[in-house]
mmCIF file of all heavy atoms, coordinates in Angstrom:
data_MODEL
# 
_entry.id   MODEL 
# 
loop_
_atom_site.group_PDB 
_atom_site.id 
_atom_site.type_symbol 
_atom_site.label_atom_id 
_atom_site.label_alt_id 
_atom_site.label_comp_id 
_atom_site.label_asym_id 
_atom_site.label_entity_id 
_atom_site.label_seq_id 
_atom_site.pdbx_PDB_ins_code 
_atom_site.Cartn_x 
_atom_site.Cartn_y 
_atom_site.Cartn_z 
_atom_site.occupancy 
_atom_site.B_iso_or_equiv 
_atom_site.pdbx_formal_charge 
_atom_site.auth_seq_id 
_atom_site.auth_comp_id 
_atom_site.auth_asym_id 
_atom_site.auth_atom_id 
_atom_site.pdbx_PDB_model_num 
ATOM 1   N N   . LEU A 1 1  ? -3.266  4.205  3.345  1.00 0.00 ? 1  LEU A N   1 
ATOM 2   C CA  . LEU A 1 1  ? -4.734  4.517  3.237  1.00 0.00 ? 1  LEU A CA  1 
ATOM 3   C C   . LEU A 1 1  ? -5.018  5.121  1.879  1.00 0.00 ? 1  LEU A C   1 
ATOM 4   O O   . LEU A 1 1  ? -4.458  6.123  1.498  1.00 0.00 ? 1  LEU A O   1 
ATOM 5   C CB  . LEU A 1 1  ? -5.112  5.511  4.366  1.00 0.00 ? 1  LEU A CB  1 
ATOM 6   C CG  . LEU A 1 1  ? -4.863  5.050  5.851  1.00 0.00 ? 1  LEU A CG  1 
ATOM 7   C CD1 . LEU A 1 1  ? -5.195  6.098  6.847  1.00 0.00 ? 1  LEU A CD1 1 
ATOM 8   C CD2 . LEU A 1 1  ? -5.541  3.766  6.196  1.00 0.00 ? 1  LEU A CD2 1 
ATOM 9   N N   . HIS A 1 2  ? -5.958  4.463  1.230  1.00 0.00 ? 2  HIS A N   1 
ATOM 10  C CA  . HIS A 1 2  ? -6.434  4.939  -0.062 1.00 0.00 ? 2  HIS A CA  1 
ATOM 11  C C   . HIS A 1 2  ? -7.336  6.189  0.034  1.00 0.00 ? 2  HIS A C   1 
ATOM 12  O O   . HIS A 1 2  ? -7.729  6.666  1.123  1.00 0.00 ? 2  HIS A O   1 
ATOM 13  C CB  . HIS A 1 2  ? -7.231  3.842  -0.828 1.00 0.00 ? 2  HIS A CB  1 
ATOM 14  C CG  . HIS A 1 2  ? -8.381  3.434  -0.104 1.00 0.00 ? 2  HIS A CG  1 
ATOM 15  N ND1 . HIS A 1 2  ? -9.635  4.082  -0.155 1.00 0.00 ? 2  HIS A ND1 1 
ATOM 16  C CD2 . HIS A 1 2  ? -8.717  2.391  0.813  1.00 0.00 ? 2  HIS A CD2 1 
ATOM 17  C CE1 . HIS A 1 2  ? -10.568 3.516  0.542  1.00 0.00 ? 2  HIS A CE1 1 
ATOM 18  N NE2 . HIS A 1 2  ? -9.981  2.427  1.153  1.00 0.00 ? 2  HIS A NE2 1 
ATOM 19  N N   . GLY A 1 3  ? -7.634  6.741  -1.110 1.00 0.00 ? 3  GLY A N   1 
ATOM 20  C CA  . GLY A 1 3  ? -8.541  7.862  -1.238 1.00 0.00 ? 3  GLY A CA  1 
ATOM 21  C C   . GLY A 1 3  ? -10.011 7.617  -1.332 1.00 0.00 ? 3  GLY A C   1 
ATOM 22  O O   . GLY A 1 3  ? -10.418 6.414  -1.424 1.00 0.00 ? 3  GLY A O   1 
ATOM 23  N N   . LEU A 1 4  ? -10.763 8.613  -1.467 1.00 0.00 ? 4  LEU A N   1 
ATOM 24  C CA  . LEU A 1 4  ? -12.211 8.541  -1.607 1.00 0.00 ? 4  LEU A CA  1 
ATOM 25  C C   . LEU A 1 4  ? -12.648 7.800  -2.892 1.00 0.00 ? 4  LEU A C   1 
ATOM 26  O O   . LEU A 1 4  ? -12.081 7.956  -3.966 1.00 0.00 ? 4  LEU A O   1 
ATOM 27  C CB  . LEU A 1 4  ? -12.783 9.870  -1.674 1.00 0.00 ? 4  LEU A CB  1 
ATOM 28  C CG  . LEU A 1 4  ? -14.322 10.058 -1.821 1.00 0.00 ? 4  LEU A CG  1 
ATOM 29  C CD1 . LEU A 1 4  ? -15.081 9.483  -0.664 1.00 0.00 ? 4  LEU A CD1 1 
ATOM 30  C CD2 . LEU A 1 4  ? -14.791 11.468 -1.987 1.00 0.00 ? 4  LEU A CD2 1 
ATOM 31  N N   . ALA A 1 5  ? -13.467 6.806  -2.623 1.00 0.00 ? 5  ALA A N   1 
ATOM 32  C CA  . ALA A 1 5  ? -14.013 5.840  -3.765 1.00 0.00 ? 5  ALA A CA  1 
ATOM 33  C C   . ALA A 1 5  ? -13.003 4.852  -4.184 1.00 0.00 ? 5  ALA A C   1 
ATOM 34  O O   . ALA A 1 5  ? -13.269 4.127  -5.113 1.00 0.00 ? 5  ALA A O   1 
ATOM 35  C CB  . ALA A 1 5  ? -14.510 6.664  -4.838 1.00 0.00 ? 5  ALA A CB  1 
ATOM 36  N N   . GLY A 1 6  ? -11.758 4.810  -3.545 1.00 0.00 ? 6  GLY A N   1 
ATOM 37  C CA  . GLY A 1 6  ? -10.782 3.814  -3.943 1.00 0.00 ? 6  GLY A CA  1 
ATOM 38  C C   . GLY A 1 6  ? -10.894 2.582  -2.907 1.00 0.00 ? 6  GLY A C   1 
ATOM 39  O O   . GLY A 1 6  ? -11.803 2.467  -2.242 1.00 0.00 ? 6  GLY A O   1 
ATOM 40  N N   . ASP A 1 7  ? -9.938  1.683  -3.071 1.00 0.00 ? 7  ASP A N   1 
ATOM 41  C CA  . ASP A 1 7  ? -9.860  0.655  -2.066 1.00 0.00 ? 7  ASP A CA  1 
ATOM 42  C C   . ASP A 1 7  ? -8.417  0.278  -1.931 1.00 0.00 ? 7  ASP A C   1 
ATOM 43  O O   . ASP A 1 7  ? -7.503  0.919  -2.550 1.00 0.00 ? 7  ASP A O   1 
ATOM 44  C CB  . ASP A 1 7  ? -10.641 -0.577 -2.470 1.00 0.00 ? 7  ASP A CB  1 
ATOM 45  C CG  . ASP A 1 7  ? -10.108 -1.399 -3.620 1.00 0.00 ? 7  ASP A CG  1 
ATOM 46  O OD1 . ASP A 1 7  ? -9.276  -0.814 -4.418 1.00 0.00 ? 7  ASP A OD1 1 
ATOM 47  O OD2 . ASP A 1 7  ? -10.439 -2.564 -3.682 1.00 0.00 ? 7  ASP A OD2 1 
ATOM 48  N N   . SER A 1 8  ? -8.056  -0.648 -1.127 1.00 0.00 ? 8  SER A N   1 
ATOM 49  C CA  . SER A 1 8  ? -6.657  -0.965 -0.799 1.00 0.00 ? 8  SER A CA  1 
ATOM 50  C C   . SER A 1 8  ? -5.884  -1.430 -1.915 1.00 0.00 ? 8  SER A C   1 
ATOM 51  O O   . SER A 1 8  ? -4.619  -1.316 -1.920 1.00 0.00 ? 8  SER A O   1 
ATOM 52  C CB  . SER A 1 8  ? -6.608  -2.034 0.300  1.00 0.00 ? 8  SER A CB  1 
ATOM 53  O OG  . SER A 1 8  ? -7.266  -3.323 -0.174 1.00 0.00 ? 8  SER A OG  1 
ATOM 54  N N   . THR A 1 9  ? -6.454  -1.874 -2.961 1.00 0.00 ? 9  THR A N   1 
ATOM 55  C CA  . THR A 1 9  ? -5.692  -2.436 -4.146 1.00 0.00 ? 9  THR A CA  1 
ATOM 56  C C   . THR A 1 9  ? -5.012  -1.318 -4.877 1.00 0.00 ? 9  THR A C   1 
ATOM 57  O O   . THR A 1 9  ? -4.067  -1.619 -5.706 1.00 0.00 ? 9  THR A O   1 
ATOM 58  C CB  . THR A 1 9  ? -6.590  -3.159 -5.146 1.00 0.00 ? 9  THR A CB  1 
ATOM 59  O OG1 . THR A 1 9  ? -7.628  -2.229 -5.670 1.00 0.00 ? 9  THR A OG1 1 
ATOM 60  C CG2 . THR A 1 9  ? -7.269  -4.283 -4.496 1.00 0.00 ? 9  THR A CG2 1 
ATOM 61  N N   . VAL A 1 10 ? -5.296  -0.011 -4.647 1.00 0.00 ? 10 VAL A N   1 
ATOM 62  C CA  . VAL A 1 10 ? -4.542  1.064  -5.338 1.00 0.00 ? 10 VAL A CA  1 
ATOM 63  C C   . VAL A 1 10 ? -3.074  1.086  -4.987 1.00 0.00 ? 10 VAL A C   1 
ATOM 64  O O   . VAL A 1 10 ? -2.301  1.710  -5.653 1.00 0.00 ? 10 VAL A O   1 
ATOM 65  C CB  . VAL A 1 10 ? -5.179  2.427  -5.147 1.00 0.00 ? 10 VAL A CB  1 
ATOM 66  C CG1 . VAL A 1 10 ? -6.556  2.471  -5.567 1.00 0.00 ? 10 VAL A CG1 1 
ATOM 67  C CG2 . VAL A 1 10 ? -5.094  2.818  -3.640 1.00 0.00 ? 10 VAL A CG2 1 
ATOM 68  N N   . TRP A 1 11 ? -2.692  0.437  -3.871 1.00 0.00 ? 11 TRP A N   1 
ATOM 69  C CA  . TRP A 1 11 ? -1.343  0.352  -3.418 1.00 0.00 ? 11 TRP A CA  1 
ATOM 70  C C   . TRP A 1 11 ? -0.580  -0.809 -3.962 1.00 0.00 ? 11 TRP A C   1 
ATOM 71  O O   . TRP A 1 11 ? 0.609   -1.037 -3.670 1.00 0.00 ? 11 TRP A O   1 
ATOM 72  C CB  . TRP A 1 11 ? -1.272  0.438  -1.915 1.00 0.00 ? 11 TRP A CB  1 
ATOM 73  C CG  . TRP A 1 11 ? -1.811  1.589  -1.246 1.00 0.00 ? 11 TRP A CG  1 
ATOM 74  C CD1 . TRP A 1 11 ? -3.023  1.744  -0.591 1.00 0.00 ? 11 TRP A CD1 1 
ATOM 75  C CD2 . TRP A 1 11 ? -1.209  2.927  -1.240 1.00 0.00 ? 11 TRP A CD2 1 
ATOM 76  N NE1 . TRP A 1 11 ? -3.242  3.027  -0.196 1.00 0.00 ? 11 TRP A NE1 1 
ATOM 77  C CE2 . TRP A 1 11 ? -2.172  3.763  -0.507 1.00 0.00 ? 11 TRP A CE2 1 
ATOM 78  C CE3 . TRP A 1 11 ? 0.010   3.506  -1.686 1.00 0.00 ? 11 TRP A CE3 1 
ATOM 79  C CZ2 . TRP A 1 11 ? -1.894  5.119  -0.331 1.00 0.00 ? 11 TRP A CZ2 1 
ATOM 80  C CZ3 . TRP A 1 11 ? 0.221   4.754  -1.394 1.00 0.00 ? 11 TRP A CZ3 1 
ATOM 81  C CH2 . TRP A 1 11 ? -0.701  5.615  -0.756 1.00 0.00 ? 11 TRP A CH2 1 
ATOM 82  N N   . ASP A 1 12 ? -1.210  -1.556 -4.840 1.00 0.00 ? 12 ASP A N   1 
ATOM 83  C CA  . ASP A 1 12 ? -0.529  -2.922 -5.144 1.00 0.00 ? 12 ASP A CA  1 
ATOM 84  C C   . ASP A 1 12 ? 0.791   -2.721 -5.912 1.00 0.00 ? 12 ASP A C   1 
ATOM 85  O O   . ASP A 1 12 ? 1.632   -3.641 -5.827 1.00 0.00 ? 12 ASP A O   1 
ATOM 86  C CB  . ASP A 1 12 ? -1.598  -3.682 -6.144 1.00 0.00 ? 12 ASP A CB  1 
ATOM 87  C CG  . ASP A 1 12 ? -2.671  -4.362 -5.306 1.00 0.00 ? 12 ASP A CG  1 
ATOM 88  O OD1 . ASP A 1 12 ? -2.684  -4.347 -4.059 1.00 0.00 ? 12 ASP A OD1 1 
ATOM 89  O OD2 . ASP A 1 12 ? -3.560  -4.892 -5.957 1.00 0.00 ? 12 ASP A OD2 1 
ATOM 90  N N   . GLY A 1 13 ? 0.979   -1.647 -6.584 1.00 0.00 ? 13 GLY A N   1 
ATOM 91  C CA  . GLY A 1 13 ? 2.166   -1.448 -7.306 1.00 0.00 ? 13 GLY A CA  1 
ATOM 92  C C   . GLY A 1 13 ? 3.302   -0.918 -6.452 1.00 0.00 ? 13 GLY A C   1 
ATOM 93  O O   . GLY A 1 13 ? 4.478   -0.833 -6.992 1.00 0.00 ? 13 GLY A O   1 
ATOM 94  N N   . LEU A 1 14 ? 3.057   -0.509 -5.312 1.00 0.00 ? 14 LEU A N   1 
ATOM 95  C CA  . LEU A 1 14 ? 4.106   0.179  -4.483 1.00 0.00 ? 14 LEU A CA  1 
ATOM 96  C C   . LEU A 1 14 ? 5.229   -0.789 -4.100 1.00 0.00 ? 14 LEU A C   1 
ATOM 97  O O   . LEU A 1 14 ? 6.362   -0.406 -4.001 1.00 0.00 ? 14 LEU A O   1 
ATOM 98  C CB  . LEU A 1 14 ? 3.454   0.748  -3.249 1.00 0.00 ? 14 LEU A CB  1 
ATOM 99  C CG  . LEU A 1 14 ? 4.392   1.570  -2.300 1.00 0.00 ? 14 LEU A CG  1 
ATOM 100 C CD1 . LEU A 1 14 ? 5.082   2.734  -3.043 1.00 0.00 ? 14 LEU A CD1 1 
ATOM 101 C CD2 . LEU A 1 14 ? 3.688   2.019  -1.030 1.00 0.00 ? 14 LEU A CD2 1 
ATOM 102 N N   . ASP A 1 15 ? 4.987   -2.050 -3.804 1.00 0.00 ? 15 ASP A N   1 
ATOM 103 C CA  . ASP A 1 15 ? 5.930   -2.971 -3.359 1.00 0.00 ? 15 ASP A CA  1 
ATOM 104 C C   . ASP A 1 15 ? 6.679   -2.441 -2.137 1.00 0.00 ? 15 ASP A C   1 
ATOM 105 O O   . ASP A 1 15 ? 7.787   -2.108 -2.083 1.00 0.00 ? 15 ASP A O   1 
ATOM 106 C CB  . ASP A 1 15 ? 7.003   -3.326 -4.484 1.00 0.00 ? 15 ASP A CB  1 
ATOM 107 C CG  . ASP A 1 15 ? 7.983   -4.346 -3.999 1.00 0.00 ? 15 ASP A CG  1 
ATOM 108 O OD1 . ASP A 1 15 ? 7.719   -5.104 -3.128 1.00 0.00 ? 15 ASP A OD1 1 
ATOM 109 O OD2 . ASP A 1 15 ? 9.131   -4.397 -4.702 1.00 0.00 ? 15 ASP A OD2 1 
ATOM 110 N N   . PRO A 1 16 ? 5.984   -2.468 -0.982 1.00 0.00 ? 16 PRO A N   1 
ATOM 111 C CA  . PRO A 1 16 ? 6.508   -1.866 0.282  1.00 0.00 ? 16 PRO A CA  1 
ATOM 112 C C   . PRO A 1 16 ? 7.792   -2.498 0.703  1.00 0.00 ? 16 PRO A C   1 
ATOM 113 O O   . PRO A 1 16 ? 8.633   -1.766 1.272  1.00 0.00 ? 16 PRO A O   1 
ATOM 114 C CB  . PRO A 1 16 ? 5.356   -2.079 1.301  1.00 0.00 ? 16 PRO A CB  1 
ATOM 115 C CG  . PRO A 1 16 ? 4.116   -2.224 0.452  1.00 0.00 ? 16 PRO A CG  1 
ATOM 116 C CD  . PRO A 1 16 ? 4.676   -2.939 -0.743 1.00 0.00 ? 16 PRO A CD  1 
ATOM 117 N N   . GLY A 1 17 ? 7.941   -3.701 0.391  1.00 0.00 ? 17 GLY A N   1 
ATOM 118 C CA  . GLY A 1 17 ? 9.224   -4.431 0.759  1.00 0.00 ? 17 GLY A CA  1 
ATOM 119 C C   . GLY A 1 17 ? 10.518  -3.795 0.217  1.00 0.00 ? 17 GLY A C   1 
ATOM 120 O O   . GLY A 1 17 ? 11.534  -3.920 0.757  1.00 0.00 ? 17 GLY A O   1 
ATOM 121 N N   . SER A 1 18 ? 10.286  -3.061 -0.875 1.00 0.00 ? 18 SER A N   1 
ATOM 122 C CA  . SER A 1 18 ? 11.479  -2.424 -1.571 1.00 0.00 ? 18 SER A CA  1 
ATOM 123 C C   . SER A 1 18 ? 11.814  -1.026 -0.881 1.00 0.00 ? 18 SER A C   1 
ATOM 124 O O   . SER A 1 18 ? 12.840  -0.495 -1.215 1.00 0.00 ? 18 SER A O   1 
ATOM 125 C CB  . SER A 1 18 ? 11.182  -2.176 -2.986 1.00 0.00 ? 18 SER A CB  1 
ATOM 126 O OG  . SER A 1 18 ? 10.066  -1.207 -3.149 1.00 0.00 ? 18 SER A OG  1 
ATOM 127 N N   . CYS A 1 19 ? 10.916  -0.541 0.101  1.00 0.00 ? 19 CYS A N   1 
ATOM 128 C CA  . CYS A 1 19 ? 11.196  0.715  0.582  1.00 0.00 ? 19 CYS A CA  1 
ATOM 129 C C   . CYS A 1 19 ? 10.870  0.848  2.055  1.00 0.00 ? 19 CYS A C   1 
ATOM 130 O O   . CYS A 1 19 ? 11.041  1.909  2.648  1.00 0.00 ? 19 CYS A O   1 
ATOM 131 C CB  . CYS A 1 19 ? 10.440  1.776  -0.158 1.00 0.00 ? 19 CYS A CB  1 
ATOM 132 S SG  . CYS A 1 19 ? 8.742   1.438  -0.387 1.00 0.00 ? 19 CYS A SG  1 
ATOM 133 N N   . TRP A 1 20 ? 10.410  -0.271 2.649  1.00 0.00 ? 20 TRP A N   1 
ATOM 134 C CA  . TRP A 1 20 ? 10.089  -0.240 4.109  1.00 0.00 ? 20 TRP A CA  1 
ATOM 135 C C   . TRP A 1 20 ? 10.610  -1.488 4.842  1.00 0.00 ? 20 TRP A C   1 
ATOM 136 O O   . TRP A 1 20 ? 10.290  -2.530 4.341  1.00 0.00 ? 20 TRP A O   1 
ATOM 137 C CB  . TRP A 1 20 ? 8.526   -0.131 4.261  1.00 0.00 ? 20 TRP A CB  1 
ATOM 138 C CG  . TRP A 1 20 ? 8.089   0.012  5.638  1.00 0.00 ? 20 TRP A CG  1 
ATOM 139 C CD1 . TRP A 1 20 ? 7.573   -1.033 6.460  1.00 0.00 ? 20 TRP A CD1 1 
ATOM 140 C CD2 . TRP A 1 20 ? 8.136   1.127  6.475  1.00 0.00 ? 20 TRP A CD2 1 
ATOM 141 N NE1 . TRP A 1 20 ? 7.238   -0.585 7.650  1.00 0.00 ? 20 TRP A NE1 1 
ATOM 142 C CE2 . TRP A 1 20 ? 7.659   0.778  7.770  1.00 0.00 ? 20 TRP A CE2 1 
ATOM 143 C CE3 . TRP A 1 20 ? 8.521   2.429  6.259  1.00 0.00 ? 20 TRP A CE3 1 
ATOM 144 C CZ2 . TRP A 1 20 ? 7.547   1.657  8.841  1.00 0.00 ? 20 TRP A CZ2 1 
ATOM 145 C CZ3 . TRP A 1 20 ? 8.431   3.345  7.293  1.00 0.00 ? 20 TRP A CZ3 1 
ATOM 146 C CH2 . TRP A 1 20 ? 7.913   2.998  8.558  1.00 0.00 ? 20 TRP A CH2 1 
ATOM 147 N N   . ASP A 1 21 ? 11.248  -1.254 5.940  1.00 0.00 ? 21 ASP A N   1 
ATOM 148 C CA  . ASP A 1 21 ? 11.895  -2.356 6.623  1.00 0.00 ? 21 ASP A CA  1 
ATOM 149 C C   . ASP A 1 21 ? 10.989  -2.797 7.854  1.00 0.00 ? 21 ASP A C   1 
ATOM 150 O O   . ASP A 1 21 ? 11.270  -2.532 8.986  1.00 0.00 ? 21 ASP A O   1 
ATOM 151 C CB  . ASP A 1 21 ? 13.301  -1.872 7.198  1.00 0.00 ? 21 ASP A CB  1 
ATOM 152 C CG  . ASP A 1 21 ? 14.029  -3.055 7.901  1.00 0.00 ? 21 ASP A CG  1 
ATOM 153 O OD1 . ASP A 1 21 ? 13.658  -4.218 7.693  1.00 0.00 ? 21 ASP A OD1 1 
ATOM 154 O OD2 . ASP A 1 21 ? 14.922  -2.797 8.712  1.00 0.00 ? 21 ASP A OD2 1 
ATOM 155 N N   . GLY A 1 22 ? 9.875   -3.295 7.520  1.00 0.00 ? 22 GLY A N   1 
ATOM 156 C CA  . GLY A 1 22 ? 8.942   -3.724 8.538  1.00 0.00 ? 22 GLY A CA  1 
ATOM 157 C C   . GLY A 1 22 ? 7.579   -4.189 7.946  1.00 0.00 ? 22 GLY A C   1 
ATOM 158 O O   . GLY A 1 22 ? 7.443   -4.230 6.783  1.00 0.00 ? 22 GLY A O   1 
ATOM 159 N N   . PRO A 1 23 ? 6.656   -4.356 8.847  1.00 0.00 ? 23 PRO A N   1 
ATOM 160 C CA  . PRO A 1 23 ? 5.334   -4.932 8.343  1.00 0.00 ? 23 PRO A CA  1 
ATOM 161 C C   . PRO A 1 23 ? 4.562   -3.793 7.613  1.00 0.00 ? 23 PRO A C   1 
ATOM 162 O O   . PRO A 1 23 ? 4.809   -2.579 7.842  1.00 0.00 ? 23 PRO A O   1 
ATOM 163 C CB  . PRO A 1 23 ? 4.632   -5.339 9.585  1.00 0.00 ? 23 PRO A CB  1 
ATOM 164 C CG  . PRO A 1 23 ? 5.238   -4.519 10.687 1.00 0.00 ? 23 PRO A CG  1 
ATOM 165 C CD  . PRO A 1 23 ? 6.689   -4.397 10.255 1.00 0.00 ? 23 PRO A CD  1 
ATOM 166 N N   . CYS A 1 24 ? 3.602   -4.117 6.807  1.00 0.00 ? 24 CYS A N   1 
ATOM 167 C CA  . CYS A 1 24 ? 2.794   -3.123 6.135  1.00 0.00 ? 24 CYS A CA  1 
ATOM 168 C C   . CYS A 1 24 ? 1.363   -3.663 6.043  1.00 0.00 ? 24 CYS A C   1 
ATOM 169 O O   . CYS A 1 24 ? 1.139   -4.832 5.714  1.00 0.00 ? 24 CYS A O   1 
ATOM 170 C CB  . CYS A 1 24 ? 3.424   -2.885 4.710  1.00 0.00 ? 24 CYS A CB  1 
ATOM 171 S SG  . CYS A 1 24 ? 2.375   -1.739 3.630  1.00 0.00 ? 24 CYS A SG  1 
ATOM 172 N N   . VAL A 1 25 ? 0.416   -2.779 6.161  1.00 0.00 ? 25 VAL A N   1 
ATOM 173 C CA  . VAL A 1 25 ? -0.975  -3.177 5.994  1.00 0.00 ? 25 VAL A CA  1 
ATOM 174 C C   . VAL A 1 25 ? -1.643  -1.993 5.149  1.00 0.00 ? 25 VAL A C   1 
ATOM 175 O O   . VAL A 1 25 ? -1.323  -0.887 5.263  1.00 0.00 ? 25 VAL A O   1 
ATOM 176 C CB  . VAL A 1 25 ? -1.771  -3.223 7.319  1.00 0.00 ? 25 VAL A CB  1 
ATOM 177 C CG1 . VAL A 1 25 ? -1.139  -4.454 8.142  1.00 0.00 ? 25 VAL A CG1 1 
ATOM 178 C CG2 . VAL A 1 25 ? -1.756  -2.051 8.097  1.00 0.00 ? 25 VAL A CG2 1 
ATOM 179 N N   . ALA A 1 26 ? -2.730  -2.418 4.427  1.00 0.00 ? 26 ALA A N   1 
ATOM 180 C CA  . ALA A 1 26 ? -3.350  -1.462 3.642  1.00 0.00 ? 26 ALA A CA  1 
ATOM 181 C C   . ALA A 1 26 ? -4.886  -1.772 3.751  1.00 0.00 ? 26 ALA A C   1 
ATOM 182 O O   . ALA A 1 26 ? -5.522  -2.476 2.929  1.00 0.00 ? 26 ALA A O   1 
ATOM 183 C CB  . ALA A 1 26 ? -2.964  -1.603 2.115  1.00 0.00 ? 26 ALA A CB  1 
# 
């Protein structure tokens, strides 16, 4: 979940597949 005035794209650099063994939604 992004912060105030942001949107889901702020998480684009995280690469959840490198640190989470499962599905991810933003």
